Protein backbone atom coordinates (compact mmCIF):
# COMPACT_ATOMS: atom_id res chain seq x y z
CA UNK A 1 49.81 171.67 113.84
CA UNK A 2 46.86 169.34 114.55
CA UNK A 3 46.09 168.49 118.16
CA UNK A 4 43.36 166.43 119.81
CA UNK A 5 42.54 165.33 123.34
CA UNK A 6 41.11 161.81 123.49
CA UNK A 7 39.17 160.69 126.57
CA UNK A 8 39.12 156.91 126.89
CA UNK A 9 37.00 154.42 128.82
CA UNK A 10 38.96 151.19 129.22
CA UNK A 11 37.73 147.68 129.98
CA UNK A 12 37.33 147.20 133.72
CA UNK A 13 40.61 146.05 135.22
CA UNK A 14 42.53 146.76 131.99
CA UNK A 15 43.20 150.46 132.57
CA UNK A 16 46.96 150.16 133.12
CA UNK A 17 47.38 147.78 130.17
CA UNK A 18 45.36 150.12 127.95
CA UNK A 19 47.45 153.08 129.16
CA UNK A 20 50.68 151.28 128.22
CA UNK A 21 49.34 150.28 124.80
CA UNK A 22 48.09 153.77 123.93
CA UNK A 23 51.36 155.30 125.13
CA UNK A 24 53.26 153.28 122.47
CA UNK A 25 51.20 154.57 119.52
CA UNK A 26 52.67 157.01 117.04
CA UNK A 27 51.72 160.68 117.39
CA UNK A 28 50.49 160.14 120.98
CA UNK A 29 52.49 162.77 122.84
CA UNK A 30 51.16 162.34 126.38
CA UNK A 31 48.93 159.85 128.22
CA UNK A 32 47.51 160.09 131.74
CA UNK A 33 45.36 157.85 133.93
CA UNK A 34 42.35 159.67 135.39
CA UNK A 35 39.78 159.31 138.15
CA UNK A 36 36.19 159.97 137.20
CA UNK A 37 34.01 159.09 134.22
CA UNK A 38 37.00 158.53 131.90
CA UNK A 39 39.97 156.30 132.69
CA UNK A 40 42.63 157.75 130.39
CA UNK A 41 43.36 160.93 128.46
CA UNK A 42 45.70 160.87 125.47
CA UNK A 43 47.07 163.94 123.74
CA UNK A 44 47.56 163.31 120.03
CA UNK A 45 49.63 165.76 117.98
CA UNK A 46 50.99 165.90 114.45
CA UNK A 47 51.72 168.37 111.69
CA UNK A 48 49.22 166.47 109.53
CA UNK A 49 45.53 165.93 110.34
CA UNK A 50 45.61 162.54 108.57
CA UNK A 51 48.23 161.29 111.04
CA UNK A 52 46.06 162.45 113.93
CA UNK A 53 43.11 160.57 112.40
CA UNK A 54 45.24 157.43 112.04
CA UNK A 55 46.27 157.63 115.70
CA UNK A 56 42.61 157.99 116.70
CA UNK A 57 41.70 154.92 114.63
CA UNK A 58 44.49 152.95 116.32
CA UNK A 59 43.24 153.98 119.76
CA UNK A 60 39.66 152.96 118.93
CA UNK A 61 40.78 149.59 117.52
CA UNK A 62 42.51 148.67 120.79
CA UNK A 63 40.65 145.73 122.30
CA UNK A 64 40.92 147.25 125.79
CA UNK A 65 39.21 150.51 124.74
CA UNK A 66 35.45 150.54 125.29
CA UNK A 67 34.61 154.11 124.21
CA UNK A 68 36.34 157.36 123.32
CA UNK A 69 35.46 161.04 123.27
CA UNK A 70 37.66 163.13 120.99
CA UNK A 71 38.10 166.85 121.34
CA UNK A 72 40.04 168.34 118.43
CA UNK A 73 41.70 171.69 119.09
CA UNK A 74 40.56 174.26 116.54
CA UNK A 75 42.38 177.37 117.71
């Protein structure tokens, strides 16, 4: 099982829209809006690392996403 936590900075004023868009992506299991440096955290999970990578690419290609920080789980 491949799992990654993705911290997301959204465009100012587009946090809720970004949250809703990320929530609809495949292999995104959970999404939360945060206070602090990051606006959103997404938990991406799949049995295949390639599917996790594809989900990460889809998140980064979202026009409302400014930056991401990905933390893959290794153990």
